[in-house]
Protein backbone atom coordinates (compact mmCIF):
# COMPACT_ATOMS: atom_id res chain seq x y z
CA UNK A 1 34.70 36.58 -19.54
CA UNK A 2 31.20 35.54 -17.98
CA UNK A 3 28.69 34.24 -20.61
CA UNK A 4 24.81 34.27 -19.88
CA UNK A 5 22.57 31.88 -21.46
CA UNK A 6 18.79 32.50 -21.21
CA UNK A 7 16.74 29.23 -20.43
CA UNK A 8 13.50 31.07 -20.34
CA UNK A 9 10.55 29.71 -22.83
CA UNK A 10 9.21 32.90 -23.88
CA UNK A 11 5.46 33.48 -23.13
CA UNK A 12 2.81 34.11 -25.90
CA UNK A 13 -0.97 32.90 -26.55
CA UNK A 14 -1.19 29.49 -27.85
CA UNK A 15 2.17 28.40 -26.16
CA UNK A 16 3.16 24.71 -25.48
CA UNK A 17 2.12 23.95 -21.87
CA UNK A 18 0.57 20.94 -19.86
CA UNK A 19 -2.62 20.23 -20.76
CA UNK A 20 -3.71 20.43 -16.90
CA UNK A 21 -2.75 24.12 -16.61
CA UNK A 22 -5.51 25.39 -18.85
CA UNK A 23 -5.40 27.46 -22.21
CA UNK A 24 -3.20 30.39 -20.67
CA UNK A 25 -1.99 33.09 -21.38
CA UNK A 26 -4.48 35.22 -23.08
CA UNK A 27 -3.09 38.64 -23.61
CA UNK A 28 -5.91 41.39 -23.14
CA UNK A 29 -5.95 45.32 -24.08
CA UNK A 30 -4.43 47.28 -21.10
CA UNK A 31 -5.55 50.83 -19.60
CA UNK A 32 -3.00 52.71 -22.13
CA UNK A 33 -1.96 52.58 -25.99
CA UNK A 34 0.26 54.62 -27.92
CA UNK A 35 -2.40 55.45 -30.07
CA UNK A 36 -4.61 57.33 -27.17
CA UNK A 37 -1.52 58.85 -25.57
CA UNK A 38 -0.24 60.76 -29.05
CA UNK A 39 -3.61 62.10 -29.17
CA UNK A 40 -2.85 64.20 -25.71
CA UNK A 41 -0.29 65.78 -27.75
CA UNK A 42 2.42 65.69 -25.31
CA UNK A 43 5.68 66.75 -26.78
CA UNK A 44 8.96 64.90 -25.99
CA UNK A 45 10.91 67.02 -23.61
CA UNK A 46 14.30 65.72 -25.66
CA UNK A 47 12.54 65.96 -29.01
CA UNK A 48 9.95 68.12 -29.58
CA UNK A 49 9.28 66.37 -33.12
CA UNK A 50 8.19 63.38 -30.95
CA UNK A 51 5.27 62.80 -28.84
CA UNK A 52 5.17 61.01 -25.59
CA UNK A 53 3.12 57.83 -25.35
CA UNK A 54 2.75 54.55 -23.31
CA UNK A 55 1.17 51.25 -23.82
CA UNK A 56 0.57 48.44 -21.40
CA UNK A 57 -1.60 45.15 -21.23
CA UNK A 58 -3.30 42.65 -19.15
CA UNK A 59 -2.15 39.22 -19.00
CA UNK A 60 -4.36 35.93 -17.76
CA UNK A 61 -2.14 33.28 -16.92
CA UNK A 62 -1.60 30.45 -15.03
CA UNK A 63 1.23 30.03 -12.37
CA UNK A 64 2.42 27.05 -14.04
CA UNK A 65 2.75 28.38 -17.68
CA UNK A 66 6.01 28.62 -19.60
CA UNK A 67 9.36 28.32 -17.73
CA UNK A 68 8.10 28.03 -13.81
CA UNK A 69 8.70 26.71 -10.46
CA UNK A 70 6.39 24.50 -8.43
CA UNK A 71 5.71 25.30 -4.91
CA UNK A 72 5.41 22.24 -2.54
CA UNK A 73 1.98 23.46 -1.91
CA UNK A 74 1.16 22.68 -5.69
CA UNK A 75 1.64 19.10 -4.88
CA UNK A 76 0.85 18.73 -0.93
CA UNK A 77 -2.09 20.38 0.65
CA UNK A 78 -0.19 20.17 3.96
CA UNK A 79 2.72 22.22 2.89
CA UNK A 80 3.36 25.79 4.28
CA UNK A 81 5.51 26.43 0.96
CA UNK A 82 3.11 28.30 -1.36
CA UNK A 83 5.63 29.66 -4.28
CA UNK A 84 6.01 33.17 -2.32
CA UNK A 85 7.47 31.14 0.37
CA UNK A 86 9.65 28.87 -1.30
CA UNK A 87 13.19 29.93 -0.39
CA UNK A 88 15.02 31.99 -2.89
CA UNK A 89 18.09 29.88 -2.55
CA UNK A 90 15.62 26.97 -4.70
CA UNK A 91 16.53 29.26 -7.80
CA UNK A 92 19.82 30.28 -7.12
CA UNK A 93 22.92 28.74 -6.85
CA UNK A 94 25.71 26.10 -8.20
CA UNK A 95 24.01 24.04 -10.84
CA UNK A 96 25.22 21.15 -13.33
CA UNK A 97 23.21 19.78 -16.45
CA UNK A 98 23.17 16.35 -17.59
CA UNK A 99 22.57 15.60 -21.19
CA UNK A 100 20.11 12.48 -21.77
CA UNK A 101 18.92 13.48 -25.36
CA UNK A 102 20.05 10.36 -26.66
CA UNK A 103 16.59 9.33 -25.03
CA UNK A 104 14.87 11.67 -27.23
CA UNK A 105 11.36 10.31 -28.19
CA UNK A 106 8.06 10.73 -27.79
CA UNK A 107 7.02 9.66 -24.21
CA UNK A 108 10.40 8.36 -23.30
CA UNK A 109 11.25 7.29 -19.86
CA UNK A 110 14.55 8.64 -18.37
CA UNK A 111 15.83 6.08 -15.86
CA UNK A 112 18.42 6.77 -12.92
CA UNK A 113 20.80 4.78 -15.16
CA UNK A 114 20.48 7.47 -17.99
CA UNK A 115 21.08 9.96 -15.24
CA UNK A 116 24.24 8.28 -13.68
CA UNK A 117 25.83 7.61 -17.01
CA UNK A 118 25.17 11.37 -17.84
CA UNK A 119 26.79 12.34 -14.83
CA UNK A 120 29.62 10.45 -15.70
CA UNK A 121 29.85 11.86 -19.12
CA UNK A 122 29.73 15.49 -18.07
CA UNK A 123 33.06 15.30 -16.30
CA UNK A 124 31.79 16.76 -13.30
CA UNK A 125 30.15 15.30 -9.94
CA UNK A 126 26.82 16.21 -8.38
CA UNK A 127 27.44 17.68 -5.08
CA UNK A 128 24.64 17.90 -2.13
CA UNK A 129 22.75 21.15 -2.57
CA UNK A 130 23.35 21.62 -6.35
CA UNK A 131 20.60 22.65 -9.08
CA UNK A 132 20.50 19.71 -11.66
CA UNK A 133 19.06 20.68 -15.08
CA UNK A 134 18.14 17.87 -17.21
CA UNK A 135 18.04 18.31 -21.14
CA UNK A 136 15.87 15.61 -22.61
CA UNK A 137 15.68 17.64 -26.06
CA UNK A 138 12.03 17.68 -25.80
CA UNK A 139 12.40 21.70 -25.78
CA UNK A 140 13.32 21.33 -29.53
CA UNK A 141 9.21 20.18 -30.25
CA UNK A 142 7.62 23.23 -31.61
CA UNK A 143 3.96 21.20 -32.33
CA UNK A 144 2.34 22.71 -28.92
CA UNK A 145 -0.16 19.46 -28.88
CA UNK A 146 2.97 16.99 -29.36
CA UNK A 147 5.00 18.87 -26.75
CA UNK A 148 2.38 18.90 -24.44
CA UNK A 149 0.79 15.48 -24.65
CA UNK A 150 3.85 13.11 -25.66
CA UNK A 151 6.40 14.67 -23.45
CA UNK A 152 9.05 12.92 -21.82
CA UNK A 153 10.04 12.63 -18.16
CA UNK A 154 11.84 10.87 -15.07
CA UNK A 155 10.82 7.49 -13.80
CA UNK A 156 10.35 7.00 -10.18
CA UNK A 157 13.92 5.40 -9.62
CA UNK A 158 15.35 8.54 -11.53
CA UNK A 159 13.59 10.69 -8.80
CA UNK A 160 14.98 8.56 -6.11
CA UNK A 161 18.34 8.74 -7.38
CA UNK A 162 18.28 12.65 -7.41
CA UNK A 163 16.84 12.39 -3.80
CA UNK A 164 19.85 10.49 -2.97
CA UNK A 165 22.35 12.92 -4.37
CA UNK A 166 20.77 15.35 -2.01
CA UNK A 167 20.17 18.14 -4.82
CA UNK A 168 17.90 21.05 -4.04
CA UNK A 169 16.11 21.82 -7.21
CA UNK A 170 15.60 19.98 -10.42
CA UNK A 171 14.58 21.59 -13.71
CA UNK A 172 13.60 19.93 -16.95
CA UNK A 173 13.29 21.21 -20.83
CA UNK A 174 9.49 19.89 -20.74
CA UNK A 175 6.31 20.36 -19.02
CA UNK A 176 6.05 17.62 -16.59
CA UNK A 177 9.00 16.32 -14.33
CA UNK A 178 7.45 13.12 -14.29
CA UNK A 179 7.13 10.02 -16.86
CA UNK A 180 4.46 10.28 -19.21
CA UNK A 181 1.66 7.84 -17.72
CA UNK A 182 2.70 8.12 -14.44
CA UNK A 183 -0.79 9.00 -12.95
CA UNK A 184 0.13 9.21 -9.44
CA UNK A 185 3.14 11.23 -10.23
CA UNK A 186 5.92 9.81 -8.07
CA UNK A 187 8.59 12.27 -8.72
CA UNK A 188 6.21 15.19 -7.78
CA UNK A 189 5.56 13.09 -4.54
CA UNK A 190 8.97 12.66 -3.74
CA UNK A 191 10.21 16.05 -4.19
CA UNK A 192 7.18 18.12 -3.15
CA UNK A 193 5.56 16.14 -0.58
CA UNK A 194 8.59 14.39 1.37
CA UNK A 195 6.44 13.45 4.27
CA UNK A 196 5.50 10.55 1.92
CA UNK A 197 8.90 9.45 2.49
CA UNK A 198 9.04 10.03 5.99
CA UNK A 199 10.94 13.28 6.07
CA UNK A 200 10.13 16.72 7.20
CA UNK A 201 8.31 19.09 5.08
CA UNK A 202 11.29 21.28 4.37
CA UNK A 203 13.13 18.39 2.74
CA UNK A 204 11.83 19.02 -0.39
CA UNK A 205 13.52 19.13 -3.97
CA UNK A 206 12.05 22.25 -6.02
CA UNK A 207 11.06 21.57 -9.31
CA UNK A 208 11.38 23.88 -12.52
CA UNK A 209 9.72 22.68 -15.78
CA UNK A 210 9.37 24.19 -19.38
CA UNK A 211 13.20 24.92 -19.76
CA UNK A 212 15.03 25.48 -23.03
CA UNK A 213 18.69 26.08 -24.52
CA UNK A 214 20.09 23.83 -21.44
CA UNK A 215 22.42 22.15 -24.13
CA UNK A 216 23.85 25.98 -24.84
CA UNK A 217 25.40 26.03 -21.61
CA UNK A 218 28.94 25.35 -22.44
CA UNK A 219 30.04 24.14 -19.13
CA UNK A 220 28.93 21.30 -17.23
CA UNK A 221 28.92 23.26 -14.05
CA UNK A 222 27.95 26.99 -13.77
CA UNK A 223 25.52 29.41 -11.62
CA UNK A 224 21.91 29.15 -12.05
CA UNK A 225 19.51 31.87 -11.28
CA UNK A 226 15.68 31.47 -11.68
CA UNK A 227 13.70 32.70 -8.90
CA UNK A 228 10.01 32.34 -9.33
CA UNK A 229 7.41 35.26 -9.13
CA UNK A 230 6.12 35.40 -5.79
CA UNK A 231 2.36 34.95 -6.26
CA UNK A 232 0.61 35.08 -2.44
CA UNK A 233 -0.66 31.82 -1.79
CA UNK A 234 0.39 30.39 -5.23
CA UNK A 235 1.47 26.94 -6.45
CA UNK A 236 3.55 27.90 -9.12
CA UNK A 237 5.36 30.95 -10.59
CA UNK A 238 7.25 32.12 -13.66
CA UNK A 239 11.08 32.39 -13.39
CA UNK A 240 13.54 34.06 -15.70
CA UNK A 241 15.97 31.21 -16.03
CA UNK A 242 19.58 31.85 -16.55
CA UNK A 243 22.78 30.18 -16.69
CA UNK A 244 25.82 32.10 -15.78
CA UNK A 245 29.20 30.68 -17.00
CA UNK A 246 32.67 32.00 -16.04
């Protein structure tokens, strides 16, 4: 029996996110409301005691709000890979999740050793082309300020270890894949700006941030779906992240 686990952070005003990405979202009134539509007195075709009505809303939102994928252009002005041009495969395919929640704590740093030991505990091996999700436990932090300013993250050697594994996408359950205090963002540079490593521009590793519920995935290996909204020329886009477990 197939089980689907939703790994997506709900989007709402005041939600936690990285402080550099603005104070969005803002929900504004739309062009339709149920109240106005009921004043038209249009009967429901299937129930004449009921009135037809519709409502919508306008949303101002940063492409990096909530569960989202970074494009390479987000971290490399020379990259052609804006979010609409990120390959669909970056958000779909075989996946593994690693539990490093024993390192849980404000501004904790996840090392290559932590990831290697988590892989050993998982009972499976990371294969080239896998999507790797990292459960730090930080997604359980409810205070938006603490979530944003005291987040956990990967050290430089952790990013290099994932690069050596030849993964195609790395997801994490906080607002920044890089370790706190790393002002040069080495993991972002490794993943999104491969030319820094002497590699071709298309040898990138996609990044998904602000995942939730990773620890609810009942198996170490599963199918992941989390393709971004294709904002033309955008640096990031929201995803509806799902773990599909057979």
